Amino acid sequence: MNDSLKELLKNYKPYINGHESMKRASVFIPIVKKNSTNFIVFEVRSKTLRSQPNEISFPGGIIEENETPVCACIRETCEELGTNESNIEIISELDLFVNHSDIIIHPFVGFIHNLEILKPNIDEVDHIFLVPLSHLLENAPLRYKNEVRVIPNKNFPYNLIPNKESYKFKSGNYDSLFYRYNDYVIWGITGKILENFLSLIK
């Protein structure tokens, strides 16, 4: 038994418990330099999209079968911003983001070398805008705490657990962050990933 277990697990690479039933995506935090100042490029999603229309986001999307997270990041950025791989320089992967809505996101950060050649895909992107990195570093977001609770299924088998219907399920906290710039509000998953990046470079 010991030898067979060793054989079964010798090449195992740990990931996230339950990932098989979750969606996986990659996003890119694109930085551009203009007049010696670094800016982050944000997208405003098209109003015609079924998912999160008119929301602010980073380029990105679902990781396809047999595709690596970084390849998905580059592919989606090229498709959404209308550019090519040679215009993108990945400098680092950031912390994985696991959301309570069953999605795992692989964020990357890097540079867009030439902003002028971008031709955003109008089917997905209404428009893009730039925010100075210094503004985001110097202005803390509004932060609101939300409670995340376990709500048992109506057929939950209470008879199988201690204390039956009186069992105390643990709750958790989920912060909502709101970064403001002019008339734009950056929040949601984009805000959480942005916060992680900013915390690493402060």
N, C-alpha and C. Protein backbone atom coordinates (compact mmCIF):
# COMPACT_ATOMS: atom_id res chain seq x y z
N MET A 1 0.83 -1.21 0.00
CA MET A 1 0.00 0.00 0.00
C MET A 1 0.86 1.26 0.00
N ASN A 2 1.94 1.28 0.81
CA ASN A 2 2.79 2.46 0.86
C ASN A 2 3.38 2.80 -0.50
N ASP A 3 3.87 1.76 -1.20
CA ASP A 3 4.48 1.98 -2.50
C ASP A 3 3.46 2.47 -3.52
N SER A 4 2.25 1.92 -3.49
CA SER A 4 1.23 2.34 -4.45
C SER A 4 0.78 3.77 -4.19
N LEU A 5 0.71 4.18 -2.93
CA LEU A 5 0.37 5.56 -2.60
C LEU A 5 1.44 6.51 -3.10
N LYS A 6 2.70 6.11 -2.90
CA LYS A 6 3.80 6.94 -3.39
C LYS A 6 3.72 7.12 -4.89
N GLU A 7 3.39 6.05 -5.59
CA GLU A 7 3.30 6.10 -7.05
C GLU A 7 2.15 7.00 -7.49
N LEU A 8 1.01 6.87 -6.80
CA LEU A 8 -0.16 7.66 -7.15
C LEU A 8 0.07 9.17 -6.95
N LEU A 9 0.84 9.52 -5.94
CA LEU A 9 0.97 10.93 -5.56
C LEU A 9 2.29 11.57 -5.95
N LYS A 10 3.19 10.82 -6.59
CA LYS A 10 4.55 11.34 -6.80
C LYS A 10 4.57 12.57 -7.71
N ASN A 11 3.63 12.68 -8.63
CA ASN A 11 3.61 13.83 -9.54
C ASN A 11 2.46 14.80 -9.25
N TYR A 12 1.82 14.61 -8.10
CA TYR A 12 0.66 15.46 -7.79
C TYR A 12 1.09 16.89 -7.50
N LYS A 13 0.39 17.85 -8.09
CA LYS A 13 0.67 19.27 -7.87
C LYS A 13 -0.54 19.89 -7.16
N PRO A 14 -0.39 20.26 -5.90
CA PRO A 14 -1.52 20.83 -5.16
C PRO A 14 -2.06 22.09 -5.82
N TYR A 15 -3.36 22.25 -5.71
CA TYR A 15 -4.00 23.44 -6.27
C TYR A 15 -5.04 23.93 -5.27
N ILE A 16 -6.29 23.95 -5.61
CA ILE A 16 -7.35 24.41 -4.73
C ILE A 16 -8.39 23.31 -4.57
N ASN A 17 -8.67 22.97 -3.34
CA ASN A 17 -9.64 21.92 -3.05
C ASN A 17 -10.99 22.28 -3.68
N GLY A 18 -11.52 21.38 -4.51
CA GLY A 18 -12.81 21.61 -5.15
C GLY A 18 -12.73 22.31 -6.49
N HIS A 19 -11.52 22.50 -7.02
CA HIS A 19 -11.38 23.27 -8.26
C HIS A 19 -12.07 22.62 -9.45
N GLU A 20 -12.27 21.30 -9.37
CA GLU A 20 -12.88 20.60 -10.50
C GLU A 20 -14.27 21.12 -10.83
N SER A 21 -14.98 21.61 -9.83
CA SER A 21 -16.34 22.09 -10.04
C SER A 21 -16.42 23.61 -10.14
N MET A 22 -15.27 24.27 -10.25
CA MET A 22 -15.24 25.74 -10.30
C MET A 22 -14.78 26.21 -11.68
N LYS A 23 -15.19 27.42 -12.04
CA LYS A 23 -14.69 28.03 -13.26
C LYS A 23 -13.29 28.58 -12.99
N ARG A 24 -12.46 28.62 -14.03
CA ARG A 24 -11.11 29.15 -13.91
C ARG A 24 -10.92 30.24 -14.95
N ALA A 25 -10.34 31.35 -14.53
CA ALA A 25 -10.14 32.47 -15.44
C ALA A 25 -8.78 33.12 -15.19
N SER A 26 -8.34 33.92 -16.15
CA SER A 26 -7.13 34.72 -16.02
C SER A 26 -7.47 36.16 -16.33
N VAL A 27 -6.81 37.09 -15.63
CA VAL A 27 -6.94 38.50 -15.96
C VAL A 27 -5.57 39.15 -16.00
N PHE A 28 -5.50 40.28 -16.69
CA PHE A 28 -4.24 40.99 -16.87
C PHE A 28 -4.40 42.42 -16.38
N ILE A 29 -3.49 42.84 -15.51
CA ILE A 29 -3.41 44.25 -15.10
C ILE A 29 -2.41 44.92 -16.04
N PRO A 30 -2.89 45.67 -17.03
CA PRO A 30 -1.98 46.26 -18.02
C PRO A 30 -1.51 47.64 -17.60
N ILE A 31 -0.21 47.83 -17.58
CA ILE A 31 0.38 49.11 -17.22
C ILE A 31 0.99 49.73 -18.48
N VAL A 32 0.74 51.02 -18.67
CA VAL A 32 1.35 51.75 -19.78
C VAL A 32 2.10 52.96 -19.21
N LYS A 33 3.13 53.36 -19.89
CA LYS A 33 3.91 54.53 -19.46
C LYS A 33 3.71 55.65 -20.46
N LYS A 34 3.28 56.81 -19.93
CA LYS A 34 3.13 58.01 -20.76
C LYS A 34 3.80 59.17 -20.04
N ASN A 35 4.71 59.84 -20.75
CA ASN A 35 5.41 60.98 -20.17
C ASN A 35 6.01 60.66 -18.81
N SER A 36 6.65 59.50 -18.73
CA SER A 36 7.35 59.04 -17.53
C SER A 36 6.41 58.70 -16.37
N THR A 37 5.11 58.62 -16.63
CA THR A 37 4.13 58.27 -15.59
C THR A 37 3.48 56.94 -15.93
N ASN A 38 3.35 56.07 -14.92
CA ASN A 38 2.70 54.78 -15.11
C ASN A 38 1.19 54.90 -14.90
N PHE A 39 0.45 54.31 -15.81
CA PHE A 39 -1.01 54.26 -15.74
C PHE A 39 -1.46 52.80 -15.82
N ILE A 40 -2.59 52.50 -15.20
CA ILE A 40 -3.25 51.20 -15.39
C ILE A 40 -4.38 51.39 -16.39
N VAL A 41 -4.48 50.47 -17.33
CA VAL A 41 -5.55 50.48 -18.33
C VAL A 41 -6.73 49.67 -17.80
N PHE A 42 -7.90 50.27 -17.78
CA PHE A 42 -9.13 49.58 -17.39
C PHE A 42 -10.09 49.54 -18.59
N GLU A 43 -10.90 48.53 -18.61
CA GLU A 43 -11.95 48.40 -19.62
C GLU A 43 -13.30 48.74 -19.00
N VAL A 44 -14.18 49.34 -19.79
CA VAL A 44 -15.60 49.39 -19.45
C VAL A 44 -16.28 48.38 -20.38
N ARG A 45 -16.87 47.37 -19.78
CA ARG A 45 -17.45 46.29 -20.57
C ARG A 45 -18.64 46.80 -21.40
N SER A 46 -18.83 46.17 -22.54
CA SER A 46 -19.91 46.57 -23.44
C SER A 46 -21.27 46.47 -22.76
N LYS A 47 -22.15 47.39 -23.08
CA LYS A 47 -23.51 47.39 -22.53
C LYS A 47 -24.34 46.21 -23.04
N THR A 48 -23.88 45.56 -24.10
CA THR A 48 -24.66 44.47 -24.70
C THR A 48 -24.26 43.08 -24.18
N LEU A 49 -23.24 43.02 -23.33
CA LEU A 49 -22.81 41.73 -22.80
C LEU A 49 -23.85 41.18 -21.83
N ARG A 50 -24.02 39.85 -21.84
CA ARG A 50 -24.98 39.23 -20.92
C ARG A 50 -24.46 39.23 -19.49
N SER A 51 -23.14 39.10 -19.33
CA SER A 51 -22.54 39.05 -18.01
C SER A 51 -21.89 40.39 -17.66
N GLN A 52 -22.36 41.00 -16.60
CA GLN A 52 -21.79 42.24 -16.06
C GLN A 52 -21.60 43.35 -17.11
N PRO A 53 -22.66 43.70 -17.84
CA PRO A 53 -22.54 44.79 -18.81
C PRO A 53 -22.23 46.11 -18.12
N ASN A 54 -21.41 46.92 -18.80
CA ASN A 54 -21.08 48.27 -18.34
C ASN A 54 -20.25 48.30 -17.05
N GLU A 55 -19.76 47.13 -16.60
CA GLU A 55 -18.88 47.07 -15.42
C GLU A 55 -17.45 47.41 -15.85
N ILE A 56 -16.65 47.83 -14.88
CA ILE A 56 -15.23 48.09 -15.13
C ILE A 56 -14.44 46.84 -14.81
N SER A 57 -13.52 46.48 -15.68
CA SER A 57 -12.77 45.24 -15.48
C SER A 57 -11.38 45.35 -16.08
N PHE A 58 -10.59 44.32 -15.80
CA PHE A 58 -9.33 44.12 -16.50
C PHE A 58 -9.58 43.20 -17.69
N PRO A 59 -8.71 43.22 -18.70
CA PRO A 59 -8.82 42.22 -19.76
C PRO A 59 -8.69 40.82 -19.16
N GLY A 60 -9.46 39.89 -19.68
CA GLY A 60 -9.35 38.52 -19.17
C GLY A 60 -10.57 37.70 -19.50
N GLY A 61 -10.51 36.43 -19.12
CA GLY A 61 -11.63 35.54 -19.38
C GLY A 61 -11.32 34.12 -18.96
N ILE A 62 -12.21 33.23 -19.36
CA ILE A 62 -12.16 31.83 -18.97
C ILE A 62 -10.93 31.13 -19.57
N ILE A 63 -10.28 30.32 -18.76
CA ILE A 63 -9.16 29.49 -19.23
C ILE A 63 -9.74 28.28 -19.96
N GLU A 64 -9.38 28.12 -21.20
CA GLU A 64 -9.91 27.02 -22.00
C GLU A 64 -9.21 25.72 -21.67
N GLU A 65 -9.82 24.62 -22.08
CA GLU A 65 -9.25 23.29 -21.82
C GLU A 65 -7.87 23.19 -22.46
N ASN A 66 -6.93 22.63 -21.71
CA ASN A 66 -5.55 22.45 -22.15
C ASN A 66 -4.81 23.77 -22.37
N GLU A 67 -5.30 24.85 -21.76
CA GLU A 67 -4.65 26.15 -21.88
C GLU A 67 -4.08 26.55 -20.53
N THR A 68 -2.88 27.10 -20.52
CA THR A 68 -2.29 27.57 -19.26
C THR A 68 -2.90 28.92 -18.88
N PRO A 69 -2.87 29.26 -17.59
CA PRO A 69 -3.40 30.57 -17.20
C PRO A 69 -2.74 31.74 -17.91
N VAL A 70 -1.42 31.70 -18.08
CA VAL A 70 -0.75 32.83 -18.72
C VAL A 70 -1.12 32.92 -20.19
N CYS A 71 -1.29 31.78 -20.85
CA CYS A 71 -1.71 31.80 -22.26
C CYS A 71 -3.11 32.37 -22.40
N ALA A 72 -3.99 32.01 -21.47
CA ALA A 72 -5.35 32.55 -21.49
C ALA A 72 -5.33 34.06 -21.27
N CYS A 73 -4.48 34.51 -20.37
CA CYS A 73 -4.34 35.93 -20.08
C CYS A 73 -3.94 36.70 -21.33
N ILE A 74 -2.93 36.21 -22.03
CA ILE A 74 -2.45 36.88 -23.24
C ILE A 74 -3.49 36.82 -24.35
N ARG A 75 -4.09 35.65 -24.55
CA ARG A 75 -5.10 35.50 -25.60
C ARG A 75 -6.27 36.45 -25.39
N GLU A 76 -6.81 36.48 -24.16
CA GLU A 76 -7.96 37.34 -23.87
C GLU A 76 -7.61 38.81 -24.01
N THR A 77 -6.40 39.19 -23.60
CA THR A 77 -5.99 40.58 -23.72
C THR A 77 -5.89 40.99 -25.18
N CYS A 78 -5.33 40.12 -25.99
CA CYS A 78 -5.24 40.40 -27.43
C CYS A 78 -6.62 40.54 -28.05
N GLU A 79 -7.54 39.64 -27.68
CA GLU A 79 -8.88 39.66 -28.25
C GLU A 79 -9.65 40.91 -27.82
N GLU A 80 -9.55 41.29 -26.56
CA GLU A 80 -10.36 42.39 -26.04
C GLU A 80 -9.79 43.76 -26.38
N LEU A 81 -8.46 43.89 -26.32
CA LEU A 81 -7.84 45.19 -26.57
C LEU A 81 -7.39 45.36 -28.02
N GLY A 82 -7.54 44.32 -28.81
CA GLY A 82 -7.18 44.43 -30.21
C GLY A 82 -5.70 44.69 -30.42
N THR A 83 -4.89 43.84 -29.80
CA THR A 83 -3.45 44.00 -29.93
C THR A 83 -2.82 42.65 -30.24
N ASN A 84 -1.50 42.58 -30.18
CA ASN A 84 -0.81 41.34 -30.46
C ASN A 84 0.12 40.99 -29.30
N GLU A 85 0.56 39.75 -29.27
CA GLU A 85 1.35 39.25 -28.15
C GLU A 85 2.65 40.03 -27.96
N SER A 86 3.23 40.53 -29.04
CA SER A 86 4.49 41.25 -28.92
C SER A 86 4.34 42.59 -28.21
N ASN A 87 3.10 43.07 -28.09
CA ASN A 87 2.83 44.34 -27.42
C ASN A 87 2.58 44.14 -25.92
N ILE A 88 2.64 42.89 -25.47
CA ILE A 88 2.33 42.56 -24.08
C ILE A 88 3.57 41.98 -23.41
N GLU A 89 3.90 42.47 -22.25
CA GLU A 89 5.01 41.92 -21.47
C GLU A 89 4.50 41.55 -20.08
N ILE A 90 4.41 40.26 -19.81
CA ILE A 90 4.01 39.78 -18.49
C ILE A 90 5.22 39.88 -17.56
N ILE A 91 5.06 40.52 -16.39
CA ILE A 91 6.20 40.61 -15.47
C ILE A 91 6.01 39.75 -14.23
N SER A 92 4.77 39.43 -13.87
CA SER A 92 4.58 38.60 -12.68
C SER A 92 3.15 38.08 -12.60
N GLU A 93 3.02 36.89 -12.02
CA GLU A 93 1.71 36.42 -11.61
C GLU A 93 1.45 36.95 -10.20
N LEU A 94 0.20 37.24 -9.89
CA LEU A 94 -0.17 37.73 -8.56
C LEU A 94 -0.88 36.61 -7.79
N ASP A 95 -1.36 36.93 -6.60
CA ASP A 95 -2.03 35.93 -5.78
C ASP A 95 -3.31 35.45 -6.44
N LEU A 96 -3.55 34.14 -6.36
CA LEU A 96 -4.81 33.59 -6.85
C LEU A 96 -5.97 34.23 -6.10
N PHE A 97 -7.07 34.43 -6.81
CA PHE A 97 -8.27 34.96 -6.18
C PHE A 97 -9.37 33.91 -6.30
N VAL A 98 -9.92 33.49 -5.16
CA VAL A 98 -11.01 32.51 -5.15
C VAL A 98 -12.25 33.21 -4.61
N ASN A 99 -13.26 33.29 -5.44
CA ASN A 99 -14.47 34.00 -5.06
C ASN A 99 -15.53 33.05 -4.53
N HIS A 100 -16.45 33.59 -3.71
CA HIS A 100 -17.52 32.76 -3.16
C HIS A 100 -18.52 32.31 -4.23
N SER A 101 -18.42 32.87 -5.44
CA SER A 101 -19.31 32.46 -6.53
C SER A 101 -18.67 31.37 -7.39
N ASP A 102 -17.73 30.63 -6.79
CA ASP A 102 -17.13 29.46 -7.44
C ASP A 102 -16.33 29.79 -8.69
N ILE A 103 -15.45 30.76 -8.57
CA ILE A 103 -14.52 31.04 -9.67
C ILE A 103 -13.12 31.25 -9.10
N ILE A 104 -12.14 30.69 -9.79
CA ILE A 104 -10.72 30.84 -9.45
C ILE A 104 -10.11 31.74 -10.51
N ILE A 105 -9.47 32.81 -10.07
CA ILE A 105 -8.89 33.75 -11.03
C ILE A 105 -7.37 33.82 -10.84
N HIS A 106 -6.66 33.68 -11.96
CA HIS A 106 -5.21 33.81 -12.00
C HIS A 106 -4.88 35.21 -12.52
N PRO A 107 -4.48 36.15 -11.65
CA PRO A 107 -4.14 37.49 -12.13
C PRO A 107 -2.66 37.59 -12.53
N PHE A 108 -2.41 38.39 -13.55
CA PHE A 108 -1.05 38.70 -13.99
C PHE A 108 -0.93 40.21 -14.13
N VAL A 109 0.29 40.70 -14.01
CA VAL A 109 0.54 42.12 -14.21
C VAL A 109 1.69 42.27 -15.20
N GLY A 110 1.65 43.35 -15.96
CA GLY A 110 2.71 43.58 -16.93
C GLY A 110 2.48 44.86 -17.69
N PHE A 111 3.17 44.98 -18.82
CA PHE A 111 3.16 46.22 -19.59
C PHE A 111 2.50 46.05 -20.95
N ILE A 112 1.80 47.10 -21.36
CA ILE A 112 1.43 47.30 -22.76
C ILE A 112 2.44 48.30 -23.31
N HIS A 113 3.19 47.90 -24.32
CA HIS A 113 4.27 48.75 -24.79
C HIS A 113 3.78 49.93 -25.64
N ASN A 114 2.77 49.70 -26.46
CA ASN A 114 2.30 50.75 -27.37
C ASN A 114 0.79 50.88 -27.24
N LEU A 115 0.37 51.92 -26.54
CA LEU A 115 -1.06 52.17 -26.34
C LEU A 115 -1.74 52.58 -27.63
N GLU A 116 -1.00 53.21 -28.53
CA GLU A 116 -1.61 53.80 -29.72
C GLU A 116 -2.15 52.76 -30.70
N ILE A 117 -1.64 51.53 -30.64
CA ILE A 117 -2.08 50.53 -31.62
C ILE A 117 -3.27 49.70 -31.12
N LEU A 118 -3.73 49.99 -29.90
CA LEU A 118 -4.86 49.22 -29.38
C LEU A 118 -6.13 49.55 -30.17
N LYS A 119 -6.90 48.51 -30.47
CA LYS A 119 -8.20 48.67 -31.14
C LYS A 119 -9.21 47.79 -30.40
N PRO A 120 -9.75 48.30 -29.28
CA PRO A 120 -10.65 47.49 -28.46
C PRO A 120 -11.80 46.89 -29.26
N ASN A 121 -12.11 45.65 -28.92
CA ASN A 121 -13.20 44.91 -29.57
C ASN A 121 -14.53 45.46 -29.08
N ILE A 122 -15.28 46.14 -29.94
CA ILE A 122 -16.50 46.83 -29.52
C ILE A 122 -17.60 45.86 -29.07
N ASP A 123 -17.49 44.59 -29.44
CA ASP A 123 -18.47 43.61 -28.98
C ASP A 123 -18.29 43.31 -27.49
N GLU A 124 -17.10 43.54 -26.98
CA GLU A 124 -16.82 43.24 -25.58
C GLU A 124 -16.47 44.47 -24.75
N VAL A 125 -15.90 45.47 -25.40
CA VAL A 125 -15.37 46.62 -24.66
C VAL A 125 -16.02 47.90 -25.18
N ASP A 126 -16.71 48.62 -24.30
CA ASP A 126 -17.31 49.90 -24.68
C ASP A 126 -16.21 50.94 -24.89
N HIS A 127 -15.30 51.03 -23.94
CA HIS A 127 -14.14 51.91 -24.08
C HIS A 127 -13.13 51.57 -22.99
N ILE A 128 -11.94 52.12 -23.13
CA ILE A 128 -10.91 51.95 -22.11
C ILE A 128 -10.59 53.32 -21.51
N PHE A 129 -10.02 53.31 -20.32
CA PHE A 129 -9.57 54.56 -19.70
C PHE A 129 -8.33 54.26 -18.86
N LEU A 130 -7.57 55.31 -18.57
CA LEU A 130 -6.31 55.16 -17.84
C LEU A 130 -6.43 55.82 -16.47
N VAL A 131 -5.85 55.18 -15.47
CA VAL A 131 -5.79 55.76 -14.13
C VAL A 131 -4.32 55.80 -13.70
N PRO A 132 -3.82 56.94 -13.27
CA PRO A 132 -2.42 56.99 -12.82
C PRO A 132 -2.21 56.03 -11.65
N LEU A 133 -1.15 55.26 -11.72
CA LEU A 133 -0.84 54.33 -10.64
C LEU A 133 -0.67 55.09 -9.32
N SER A 134 -0.11 56.27 -9.38
CA SER A 134 0.10 57.06 -8.17
C SER A 134 -1.22 57.41 -7.49
N HIS A 135 -2.25 57.68 -8.29
CA HIS A 135 -3.58 58.00 -7.72
C HIS A 135 -4.12 56.82 -6.92
N LEU A 136 -3.96 55.64 -7.46
CA LEU A 136 -4.48 54.45 -6.78
C LEU A 136 -3.68 54.13 -5.52
N LEU A 137 -2.39 54.42 -5.55
CA LEU A 137 -1.55 54.18 -4.37
C LEU A 137 -1.82 55.20 -3.27
N GLU A 138 -2.20 56.39 -3.66
CA GLU A 138 -2.34 57.47 -2.69
C GLU A 138 -3.76 57.62 -2.15
N ASN A 139 -4.74 56.98 -2.79
CA ASN A 139 -6.13 57.13 -2.38
C ASN A 139 -6.73 55.78 -2.02
N ALA A 140 -6.92 55.57 -0.73
CA ALA A 140 -7.46 54.29 -0.26
C ALA A 140 -8.90 54.13 -0.73
N PRO A 141 -9.31 52.90 -1.00
CA PRO A 141 -10.69 52.68 -1.44
C PRO A 141 -11.67 52.78 -0.27
N LEU A 142 -12.93 53.04 -0.59
CA LEU A 142 -13.98 52.84 0.40
C LEU A 142 -14.10 51.34 0.63
N ARG A 143 -14.32 50.94 1.88
CA ARG A 143 -14.35 49.51 2.21
C ARG A 143 -15.60 49.20 3.03
N TYR A 144 -16.34 48.20 2.57
CA TYR A 144 -17.54 47.77 3.28
C TYR A 144 -17.47 46.28 3.53
N LYS A 145 -17.75 45.89 4.76
CA LYS A 145 -17.70 44.48 5.12
C LYS A 145 -19.07 43.84 4.90
N ASN A 146 -19.06 42.68 4.28
CA ASN A 146 -20.28 41.90 4.06
C ASN A 146 -20.12 40.55 4.76
N GLU A 147 -21.23 39.97 5.14
CA GLU A 147 -21.21 38.66 5.78
C GLU A 147 -21.53 37.58 4.75
N VAL A 148 -20.74 36.52 4.78
CA VAL A 148 -20.99 35.35 3.93
C VAL A 148 -21.42 34.21 4.84
N ARG A 149 -22.61 33.66 4.58
CA ARG A 149 -23.15 32.63 5.46
C ARG A 149 -23.44 31.35 4.70
N VAL A 150 -23.41 30.23 5.42
CA VAL A 150 -23.86 28.93 4.90
C VAL A 150 -25.36 28.83 5.11
N ILE A 151 -26.09 28.64 4.02
CA ILE A 151 -27.53 28.43 4.11
C ILE A 151 -27.80 27.00 3.69
N PRO A 152 -28.07 26.09 4.63
CA PRO A 152 -28.23 24.68 4.29
C PRO A 152 -29.37 24.44 3.30
N ASN A 153 -29.16 23.47 2.45
CA ASN A 153 -30.20 23.01 1.54
C ASN A 153 -31.43 22.56 2.33
N LYS A 154 -32.62 22.70 1.74
CA LYS A 154 -33.84 22.33 2.47
C LYS A 154 -33.87 20.85 2.82
N ASN A 155 -33.09 20.04 2.09
CA ASN A 155 -33.03 18.60 2.38
C ASN A 155 -31.76 18.22 3.14
N PHE A 156 -31.12 19.20 3.76
CA PHE A 156 -29.86 18.94 4.46
C PHE A 156 -30.07 17.87 5.55
N PRO A 157 -29.17 16.84 5.60
CA PRO A 157 -29.35 15.73 6.55
C PRO A 157 -28.85 16.06 7.95
N TYR A 158 -29.61 16.86 8.66
CA TYR A 158 -29.22 17.26 10.02
C TYR A 158 -29.02 16.06 10.93
N ASN A 159 -29.69 14.96 10.64
CA ASN A 159 -29.58 13.77 11.50
C ASN A 159 -28.18 13.17 11.48
N LEU A 160 -27.34 13.58 10.52
CA LEU A 160 -25.99 13.01 10.41
C LEU A 160 -24.93 13.83 11.13
N ILE A 161 -25.30 14.97 11.71
CA ILE A 161 -24.29 15.84 12.33
C ILE A 161 -24.65 16.12 13.79
N PRO A 162 -23.64 16.48 14.60
CA PRO A 162 -23.91 16.82 16.01
C PRO A 162 -24.85 18.02 16.12
N ASN A 163 -25.66 18.02 17.13
CA ASN A 163 -26.56 19.15 17.45
C ASN A 163 -27.69 19.36 16.45
N LYS A 164 -27.76 18.48 15.43
CA LYS A 164 -28.89 18.49 14.49
C LYS A 164 -29.17 19.91 13.95
N GLU A 165 -30.43 20.36 14.01
CA GLU A 165 -30.80 21.67 13.48
C GLU A 165 -30.18 22.83 14.25
N SER A 166 -29.63 22.55 15.42
CA SER A 166 -29.01 23.62 16.22
C SER A 166 -27.53 23.82 15.89
N TYR A 167 -27.03 23.08 14.92
CA TYR A 167 -25.61 23.20 14.57
C TYR A 167 -25.29 24.64 14.16
N LYS A 168 -24.18 25.17 14.66
CA LYS A 168 -23.78 26.54 14.38
C LYS A 168 -22.78 26.59 13.21
N PHE A 169 -23.27 26.89 12.04
CA PHE A 169 -22.39 27.04 10.88
C PHE A 169 -21.60 28.34 11.01
N LYS A 170 -20.32 28.28 10.69
CA LYS A 170 -19.47 29.47 10.75
C LYS A 170 -19.79 30.41 9.57
N SER A 171 -19.75 31.69 9.84
CA SER A 171 -19.90 32.67 8.77
C SER A 171 -18.54 33.30 8.48
N GLY A 172 -18.46 34.01 7.39
CA GLY A 172 -17.21 34.67 7.03
C GLY A 172 -17.47 36.11 6.61
N ASN A 173 -16.39 36.82 6.32
CA ASN A 173 -16.49 38.21 5.88
C ASN A 173 -15.97 38.35 4.46
N TYR A 174 -16.60 39.23 3.70
CA TYR A 174 -16.16 39.53 2.34
C TYR A 174 -16.19 41.04 2.17
N ASP A 175 -15.02 41.63 1.98
CA ASP A 175 -14.94 43.08 1.83
C ASP A 175 -15.27 43.50 0.41
N SER A 176 -16.08 44.53 0.28
CA SER A 176 -16.30 45.20 -1.00
C SER A 176 -15.50 46.50 -1.00
N LEU A 177 -14.70 46.68 -2.05
CA LEU A 177 -13.82 47.85 -2.17
C LEU A 177 -14.30 48.72 -3.32
N PHE A 178 -14.19 50.03 -3.14
CA PHE A 178 -14.62 50.97 -4.17
C PHE A 178 -13.52 52.02 -4.38
N TYR A 179 -12.83 51.91 -5.53
CA TYR A 179 -11.83 52.90 -5.91
C TYR A 179 -12.49 53.91 -6.85
N ARG A 180 -12.32 55.20 -6.55
CA ARG A 180 -12.94 56.24 -7.37
C ARG A 180 -11.88 56.98 -8.17
N TYR A 181 -12.22 57.25 -9.43
CA TYR A 181 -11.35 58.09 -10.27
C TYR A 181 -12.25 58.83 -11.24
N ASN A 182 -12.30 60.15 -11.11
CA ASN A 182 -13.23 60.97 -11.90
C ASN A 182 -14.64 60.40 -11.76
N ASP A 183 -15.29 60.03 -12.87
CA ASP A 183 -16.65 59.49 -12.79
C ASP A 183 -16.67 57.96 -12.74
N TYR A 184 -15.52 57.34 -12.63
CA TYR A 184 -15.44 55.88 -12.64
C TYR A 184 -15.36 55.32 -11.22
N VAL A 185 -16.01 54.18 -11.03
CA VAL A 185 -15.91 53.45 -9.76
C VAL A 185 -15.45 52.04 -10.07
N ILE A 186 -14.30 51.67 -9.52
CA ILE A 186 -13.69 50.35 -9.74
C ILE A 186 -13.98 49.51 -8.50
N TRP A 187 -14.69 48.42 -8.66
CA TRP A 187 -15.07 47.64 -7.49
C TRP A 187 -15.18 46.16 -7.88
N GLY A 188 -15.84 45.37 -7.00
CA GLY A 188 -16.04 43.95 -7.28
C GLY A 188 -14.73 43.18 -7.31
N ILE A 189 -14.70 42.13 -8.13
CA ILE A 189 -13.49 41.31 -8.25
C ILE A 189 -12.32 42.15 -8.74
N THR A 190 -12.59 43.08 -9.66
CA THR A 190 -11.53 43.95 -10.16
C THR A 190 -10.90 44.75 -9.03
N GLY A 191 -11.74 45.26 -8.13
CA GLY A 191 -11.22 46.00 -6.98
C GLY A 191 -10.39 45.15 -6.06
N LYS A 192 -10.81 43.88 -5.86
CA LYS A 192 -10.06 42.98 -4.98
C LYS A 192 -8.69 42.64 -5.57
N ILE A 193 -8.64 42.39 -6.87
CA ILE A 193 -7.38 42.05 -7.53
C ILE A 193 -6.47 43.28 -7.57
N LEU A 194 -7.06 44.44 -7.82
CA LEU A 194 -6.29 45.68 -7.80
C LEU A 194 -5.67 45.91 -6.43
N GLU A 195 -6.43 45.70 -5.37
CA GLU A 195 -5.92 45.88 -4.01
C GLU A 195 -4.71 44.97 -3.75
N ASN A 196 -4.79 43.73 -4.19
CA ASN A 196 -3.68 42.80 -4.01
C ASN A 196 -2.41 43.32 -4.69
N PHE A 197 -2.56 43.79 -5.92
CA PHE A 197 -1.40 44.31 -6.64
C PHE A 197 -0.82 45.54 -5.94
N LEU A 198 -1.69 46.48 -5.56
CA LEU A 198 -1.20 47.70 -4.92
C LEU A 198 -0.51 47.41 -3.60
N SER A 199 -1.00 46.41 -2.87
CA SER A 199 -0.38 46.07 -1.58
C SER A 199 1.03 45.52 -1.76
N LEU A 200 1.31 44.94 -2.92
CA LEU A 200 2.63 44.37 -3.18
C LEU A 200 3.67 45.41 -3.58
N ILE A 201 3.22 46.57 -4.07
CA ILE A 201 4.18 47.56 -4.57
C ILE A 201 4.25 48.81 -3.70
N LYS A 202 3.44 48.89 -2.66
CA LYS A 202 3.48 50.07 -1.79
C LYS A 202 4.81 50.13 -1.06
